Amino acid sequence: MAVYSRDRLEARENILGDDQAGFEFRTASAWDTRREAERLARNHDHVIVDTPPNAAQEALPTIAVASLVVVPV
């Protein structure tokens, strides 16, 4: 899996089309992060959730359903 900056991803989507870009982005409120992560997991092998470092309210519901959590130090 490659990681692209948002600008590079948008350019890739424009060239290849949304379905061929390899990534799907979603936004969710603190109340919806767990549900959205579970929904995405049904159709994808990997779901990556990125939250601000001080956003425990958003992160905790998603951490509860995660099989792996990576925390930068």
N, C-alpha and C. Protein backbone atom coordinates (compact mmCIF):
# COMPACT_ATOMS: atom_id res chain seq x y z
N MET A 1 0.84 -1.16 0.00
CA MET A 1 0.00 0.00 0.00
C MET A 1 0.89 1.23 0.00
N ALA A 2 0.59 2.18 -0.84
CA ALA A 2 1.33 3.44 -0.89
C ALA A 2 0.55 4.51 -0.15
N VAL A 3 1.26 5.46 0.37
CA VAL A 3 0.62 6.59 1.05
C VAL A 3 0.89 7.83 0.23
N TYR A 4 -0.15 8.54 -0.10
CA TYR A 4 -0.04 9.74 -0.92
C TYR A 4 -0.51 10.95 -0.15
N SER A 5 0.09 12.11 -0.44
CA SER A 5 -0.44 13.34 0.12
C SER A 5 -1.80 13.58 -0.51
N ARG A 6 -2.61 14.39 0.13
CA ARG A 6 -3.97 14.65 -0.38
C ARG A 6 -3.91 15.23 -1.80
N ASP A 7 -2.99 16.15 -2.07
CA ASP A 7 -2.87 16.73 -3.41
C ASP A 7 -2.52 15.67 -4.45
N ARG A 8 -1.57 14.81 -4.11
CA ARG A 8 -1.18 13.75 -5.04
C ARG A 8 -2.32 12.76 -5.25
N LEU A 9 -3.06 12.49 -4.18
CA LEU A 9 -4.18 11.57 -4.30
C LEU A 9 -5.26 12.15 -5.20
N GLU A 10 -5.57 13.44 -5.05
CA GLU A 10 -6.57 14.07 -5.91
C GLU A 10 -6.13 14.03 -7.37
N ALA A 11 -4.85 14.26 -7.63
CA ALA A 11 -4.34 14.19 -9.00
C ALA A 11 -4.47 12.76 -9.52
N ARG A 12 -4.14 11.79 -8.69
CA ARG A 12 -4.26 10.38 -9.08
C ARG A 12 -5.72 10.03 -9.39
N GLU A 13 -6.65 10.51 -8.55
CA GLU A 13 -8.08 10.26 -8.79
C GLU A 13 -8.53 10.88 -10.10
N ASN A 14 -8.03 12.09 -10.40
CA ASN A 14 -8.40 12.76 -11.65
C ASN A 14 -7.92 11.97 -12.87
N ILE A 15 -6.74 11.38 -12.76
CA ILE A 15 -6.18 10.62 -13.89
C ILE A 15 -6.83 9.24 -14.00
N LEU A 16 -6.92 8.53 -12.88
CA LEU A 16 -7.37 7.14 -12.90
C LEU A 16 -8.86 6.97 -12.63
N GLY A 17 -9.47 7.97 -12.03
CA GLY A 17 -10.85 7.82 -11.59
C GLY A 17 -10.89 7.42 -10.13
N ASP A 18 -11.95 7.78 -9.42
CA ASP A 18 -12.05 7.50 -7.99
C ASP A 18 -11.89 6.03 -7.65
N ASP A 19 -12.45 5.15 -8.46
CA ASP A 19 -12.43 3.73 -8.13
C ASP A 19 -11.06 3.09 -8.33
N GLN A 20 -10.15 3.73 -9.03
CA GLN A 20 -8.83 3.17 -9.28
C GLN A 20 -7.73 3.83 -8.46
N ALA A 21 -8.05 4.84 -7.67
CA ALA A 21 -7.03 5.58 -6.93
C ALA A 21 -6.46 4.76 -5.77
N GLY A 22 -7.20 3.79 -5.27
CA GLY A 22 -6.69 2.94 -4.21
C GLY A 22 -7.00 3.41 -2.81
N PHE A 23 -7.64 4.54 -2.67
CA PHE A 23 -7.96 5.06 -1.35
C PHE A 23 -9.39 5.59 -1.34
N GLU A 24 -10.00 5.51 -0.19
CA GLU A 24 -11.34 6.07 -0.01
C GLU A 24 -11.29 6.89 1.27
N PHE A 25 -11.68 8.15 1.19
CA PHE A 25 -11.65 9.02 2.35
C PHE A 25 -13.04 9.24 2.89
N ARG A 26 -13.15 9.28 4.22
CA ARG A 26 -14.39 9.60 4.89
C ARG A 26 -14.08 10.53 6.05
N THR A 27 -15.02 11.35 6.39
CA THR A 27 -14.92 12.15 7.61
C THR A 27 -16.07 11.73 8.52
N ALA A 28 -15.84 11.81 9.81
CA ALA A 28 -16.88 11.41 10.76
C ALA A 28 -16.72 12.23 12.02
N SER A 29 -17.84 12.47 12.67
CA SER A 29 -17.80 13.17 13.95
C SER A 29 -17.37 12.18 15.02
N ALA A 30 -17.16 12.67 16.22
CA ALA A 30 -16.75 11.81 17.32
C ALA A 30 -17.74 10.67 17.54
N TRP A 31 -19.00 10.93 17.34
CA TRP A 31 -20.03 9.91 17.56
C TRP A 31 -20.05 8.86 16.46
N ASP A 32 -19.55 9.19 15.29
CA ASP A 32 -19.66 8.29 14.14
C ASP A 32 -18.37 7.56 13.77
N THR A 33 -17.26 7.82 14.46
CA THR A 33 -16.00 7.22 14.02
C THR A 33 -16.03 5.70 14.10
N ARG A 34 -16.56 5.18 15.18
CA ARG A 34 -16.61 3.71 15.33
C ARG A 34 -17.48 3.09 14.24
N ARG A 35 -18.66 3.63 14.04
CA ARG A 35 -19.58 3.09 13.04
C ARG A 35 -18.98 3.18 11.64
N GLU A 36 -18.34 4.31 11.34
CA GLU A 36 -17.74 4.49 10.02
C GLU A 36 -16.57 3.53 9.81
N ALA A 37 -15.74 3.34 10.83
CA ALA A 37 -14.62 2.40 10.72
C ALA A 37 -15.13 0.97 10.51
N GLU A 38 -16.17 0.59 11.23
CA GLU A 38 -16.75 -0.75 11.07
C GLU A 38 -17.34 -0.92 9.67
N ARG A 39 -18.01 0.11 9.17
CA ARG A 39 -18.60 0.05 7.84
C ARG A 39 -17.52 -0.10 6.77
N LEU A 40 -16.46 0.69 6.88
CA LEU A 40 -15.37 0.61 5.92
C LEU A 40 -14.66 -0.74 5.98
N ALA A 41 -14.53 -1.31 7.17
CA ALA A 41 -13.84 -2.59 7.34
C ALA A 41 -14.55 -3.73 6.63
N ARG A 42 -15.85 -3.61 6.42
CA ARG A 42 -16.58 -4.67 5.71
C ARG A 42 -16.14 -4.79 4.25
N ASN A 43 -15.67 -3.67 3.66
CA ASN A 43 -15.35 -3.66 2.23
C ASN A 43 -13.87 -3.45 1.93
N HIS A 44 -13.04 -3.30 2.96
CA HIS A 44 -11.62 -3.01 2.75
C HIS A 44 -10.77 -3.90 3.64
N ASP A 45 -9.57 -4.20 3.18
CA ASP A 45 -8.63 -4.99 3.98
C ASP A 45 -8.05 -4.18 5.12
N HIS A 46 -7.83 -2.89 4.89
CA HIS A 46 -7.21 -2.02 5.89
C HIS A 46 -8.00 -0.72 5.99
N VAL A 47 -8.20 -0.26 7.22
CA VAL A 47 -8.83 1.04 7.46
C VAL A 47 -7.87 1.82 8.34
N ILE A 48 -7.47 2.98 7.87
CA ILE A 48 -6.55 3.83 8.63
C ILE A 48 -7.33 5.03 9.12
N VAL A 49 -7.29 5.25 10.43
CA VAL A 49 -7.98 6.38 11.04
C VAL A 49 -6.92 7.31 11.60
N ASP A 50 -6.98 8.56 11.21
CA ASP A 50 -6.01 9.56 11.66
C ASP A 50 -6.79 10.64 12.40
N THR A 51 -6.42 10.87 13.65
CA THR A 51 -7.08 11.91 14.44
C THR A 51 -6.02 12.86 15.00
N PRO A 52 -6.42 14.07 15.33
CA PRO A 52 -5.47 14.99 15.97
C PRO A 52 -4.99 14.40 17.30
N PRO A 53 -3.79 14.76 17.73
CA PRO A 53 -3.23 14.16 18.95
C PRO A 53 -4.04 14.43 20.21
N ASN A 54 -4.81 15.48 20.23
CA ASN A 54 -5.59 15.81 21.42
C ASN A 54 -7.06 15.43 21.27
N ALA A 55 -7.38 14.56 20.34
CA ALA A 55 -8.77 14.22 20.05
C ALA A 55 -9.14 12.85 20.60
N ALA A 56 -9.00 12.66 21.89
CA ALA A 56 -9.30 11.37 22.51
C ALA A 56 -10.75 10.97 22.28
N GLN A 57 -11.65 11.92 22.31
CA GLN A 57 -13.07 11.62 22.12
C GLN A 57 -13.31 10.98 20.75
N GLU A 58 -12.59 11.43 19.74
CA GLU A 58 -12.73 10.86 18.41
C GLU A 58 -11.99 9.53 18.29
N ALA A 59 -10.85 9.41 18.96
CA ALA A 59 -10.00 8.24 18.80
C ALA A 59 -10.49 7.02 19.59
N LEU A 60 -10.98 7.20 20.78
CA LEU A 60 -11.32 6.06 21.63
C LEU A 60 -12.35 5.10 21.04
N PRO A 61 -13.44 5.56 20.44
CA PRO A 61 -14.38 4.60 19.85
C PRO A 61 -13.76 3.77 18.74
N THR A 62 -12.88 4.37 17.97
CA THR A 62 -12.23 3.65 16.88
C THR A 62 -11.19 2.68 17.42
N ILE A 63 -10.45 3.09 18.44
CA ILE A 63 -9.47 2.20 19.06
C ILE A 63 -10.15 0.95 19.60
N ALA A 64 -11.37 1.10 20.10
CA ALA A 64 -12.11 -0.02 20.67
C ALA A 64 -12.36 -1.14 19.65
N VAL A 65 -12.46 -0.81 18.38
CA VAL A 65 -12.73 -1.83 17.35
C VAL A 65 -11.49 -2.16 16.51
N ALA A 66 -10.36 -1.54 16.83
CA ALA A 66 -9.15 -1.72 16.03
C ALA A 66 -8.45 -3.03 16.35
N SER A 67 -7.81 -3.61 15.34
CA SER A 67 -6.98 -4.79 15.56
C SER A 67 -5.52 -4.38 15.76
N LEU A 68 -5.18 -3.15 15.40
CA LEU A 68 -3.83 -2.63 15.58
C LEU A 68 -3.93 -1.12 15.76
N VAL A 69 -3.19 -0.60 16.73
CA VAL A 69 -3.16 0.84 16.98
C VAL A 69 -1.70 1.28 16.94
N VAL A 70 -1.41 2.30 16.16
CA VAL A 70 -0.07 2.85 16.06
C VAL A 70 -0.11 4.26 16.61
N VAL A 71 0.73 4.52 17.62
CA VAL A 71 0.78 5.84 18.25
C VAL A 71 2.19 6.39 18.08
N PRO A 72 2.34 7.49 17.34
CA PRO A 72 3.68 8.07 17.20
C PRO A 72 4.14 8.68 18.53
N VAL A 73 5.43 8.57 18.78
CA VAL A 73 5.97 9.08 20.03
C VAL A 73 6.80 10.31 19.75
